[in-house]
Amino acid sequence: MTIKTILYIIMIPIVLWALDSININSIFKKNRYYQARLFYLILTIVISYLLVNFIIDFTNYTKFV
């Protein structure tokens, strides 16, 4: 396993926990539960991807300094 994979495994539950505080269902129309859950899942993956890439880039940048 690479460090990036380990970071993904760590970050996805953290992002899920953080997004759990937001009521995403109130943003969507009534009876659109599955669309709201799909949006929640996609948002989790996108934020996790951005966080992991930020951490990797930040560590690589600080190695050069």
C-alpha atoms as a PDB file:
ATOM      1  CA  MET A   1       0.000   0.000   0.000  1.00  0.00           C
ATOM      2  CA  THR A   2       1.203   3.424  -0.813  1.00  0.00           C
ATOM      3  CA  ILE A   3       1.001   6.360   1.545  1.00  0.00           C
ATOM      4  CA  LYS A   4      -1.652   7.924  -0.686  1.00  0.00           C
ATOM      5  CA  THR A   5      -3.937   4.904  -0.314  1.00  0.00           C
ATOM      6  CA  ILE A   6      -3.508   4.945   3.448  1.00  0.00           C
ATOM      7  CA  LEU A   7      -4.350   8.634   3.524  1.00  0.00           C
ATOM      8  CA  TYR A   8      -7.512   7.975   1.485  1.00  0.00           C
ATOM      9  CA  ILE A   9      -8.541   5.266   3.951  1.00  0.00           C
ATOM     10  CA  ILE A  10      -8.014   7.694   6.830  1.00  0.00           C
ATOM     11  CA  MET A  11      -9.575  10.770   5.232  1.00  0.00           C
ATOM     12  CA  ILE A  12     -12.822   9.289   3.922  1.00  0.00           C
ATOM     13  CA  PRO A  13     -14.252   8.508   7.399  1.00  0.00           C
ATOM     14  CA  ILE A  14     -13.085  11.884   8.701  1.00  0.00           C
ATOM     15  CA  VAL A  15     -14.803  13.707   5.845  1.00  0.00           C
ATOM     16  CA  LEU A  16     -17.936  11.589   6.304  1.00  0.00           C
ATOM     17  CA  TRP A  17     -17.971  12.505   9.992  1.00  0.00           C
ATOM     18  CA  ALA A  18     -17.526  16.198   9.188  1.00  0.00           C
ATOM     19  CA  LEU A  19     -20.231  16.220   6.497  1.00  0.00           C
ATOM     20  CA  ASP A  20     -22.615  14.419   8.822  1.00  0.00           C
ATOM     21  CA  SER A  21     -23.198  17.710  10.622  1.00  0.00           C
ATOM     22  CA  ILE A  22     -24.737  19.246   7.486  1.00  0.00           C
ATOM     23  CA  ASN A  23     -28.378  18.561   6.662  1.00  0.00           C
ATOM     24  CA  ILE A  24     -28.012  18.019   2.930  1.00  0.00           C
ATOM     25  CA  ASN A  25     -31.582  16.718   2.586  1.00  0.00           C
ATOM     26  CA  SER A  26     -32.972  20.197   3.245  1.00  0.00           C
ATOM     27  CA  ILE A  27     -31.195  21.506   0.129  1.00  0.00           C
ATOM     28  CA  PHE A  28     -32.916  19.010  -2.177  1.00  0.00           C
ATOM     29  CA  LYS A  29     -36.556  18.698  -3.161  1.00  0.00           C
ATOM     30  CA  LYS A  30     -38.884  16.496  -1.156  1.00  0.00           C
ATOM     31  CA  ASN A  31     -38.720  12.741  -1.804  1.00  0.00           C
ATOM     32  CA  ARG A  32     -35.278  13.045  -3.422  1.00  0.00           C
ATOM     33  CA  TYR A  33     -33.508  11.000  -0.768  1.00  0.00           C
ATOM     34  CA  TYR A  34     -31.397   8.905  -3.150  1.00  0.00           C
ATOM     35  CA  GLN A  35     -30.174  11.904  -5.118  1.00  0.00           C
ATOM     36  CA  ALA A  36     -29.201  13.608  -1.855  1.00  0.00           C
ATOM     37  CA  ARG A  37     -27.283  10.505  -0.724  1.00  0.00           C
ATOM     38  CA  LEU A  38     -25.499  10.246  -4.069  1.00  0.00           C
ATOM     39  CA  PHE A  39     -24.515  13.910  -3.833  1.00  0.00           C
ATOM     40  CA  TYR A  40     -23.300  13.274  -0.268  1.00  0.00           C
ATOM     41  CA  LEU A  41     -21.154  10.367  -1.476  1.00  0.00           C
ATOM     42  CA  ILE A  42     -19.692  12.301  -4.415  1.00  0.00           C
ATOM     43  CA  LEU A  43     -18.971  15.288  -2.169  1.00  0.00           C
ATOM     44  CA  THR A  44     -17.187  13.008   0.297  1.00  0.00           C
ATOM     45  CA  ILE A  45     -14.988  11.523  -2.414  1.00  0.00           C
ATOM     46  CA  VAL A  46     -14.160  14.932  -3.906  1.00  0.00           C
ATOM     47  CA  ILE A  47     -13.239  16.507  -0.566  1.00  0.00           C
ATOM     48  CA  SER A  48     -11.168  13.459   0.419  1.00  0.00           C
ATOM     49  CA  TYR A  49      -9.327  13.602  -2.906  1.00  0.00           C
ATOM     50  CA  LEU A  50      -8.555  17.292  -2.441  1.00  0.00           C
ATOM     51  CA  LEU A  51      -7.376  16.824   1.139  1.00  0.00           C
ATOM     52  CA  VAL A  52      -5.094  13.906   0.311  1.00  0.00           C
ATOM     53  CA  ASN A  53      -3.554  15.738  -2.635  1.00  0.00           C
ATOM     54  CA  PHE A  54      -3.045  18.819  -0.482  1.00  0.00           C
ATOM     55  CA  ILE A  55      -1.284  16.767   2.200  1.00  0.00           C
ATOM     56  CA  ILE A  56       0.925  15.005  -0.350  1.00  0.00           C
ATOM     57  CA  ASP A  57       1.814  18.253  -2.136  1.00  0.00           C
ATOM     58  CA  PHE A  58       2.468  20.026   1.145  1.00  0.00           C
ATOM     59  CA  THR A  59       4.827  17.314   2.374  1.00  0.00           C
ATOM     60  CA  ASN A  60       6.627  17.238  -0.965  1.00  0.00           C
ATOM     61  CA  TYR A  61       7.000  21.017  -0.954  1.00  0.00           C
ATOM     62  CA  THR A  62       8.331  21.126   2.598  1.00  0.00           C
ATOM     63  CA  LYS A  63      10.988  18.551   1.716  1.00  0.00           C
ATOM     64  CA  PHE A  64      12.490  21.026  -0.771  1.00  0.00           C
ATOM     65  CA  VAL A  65      12.582  23.918   1.677  1.00  0.00           C
END
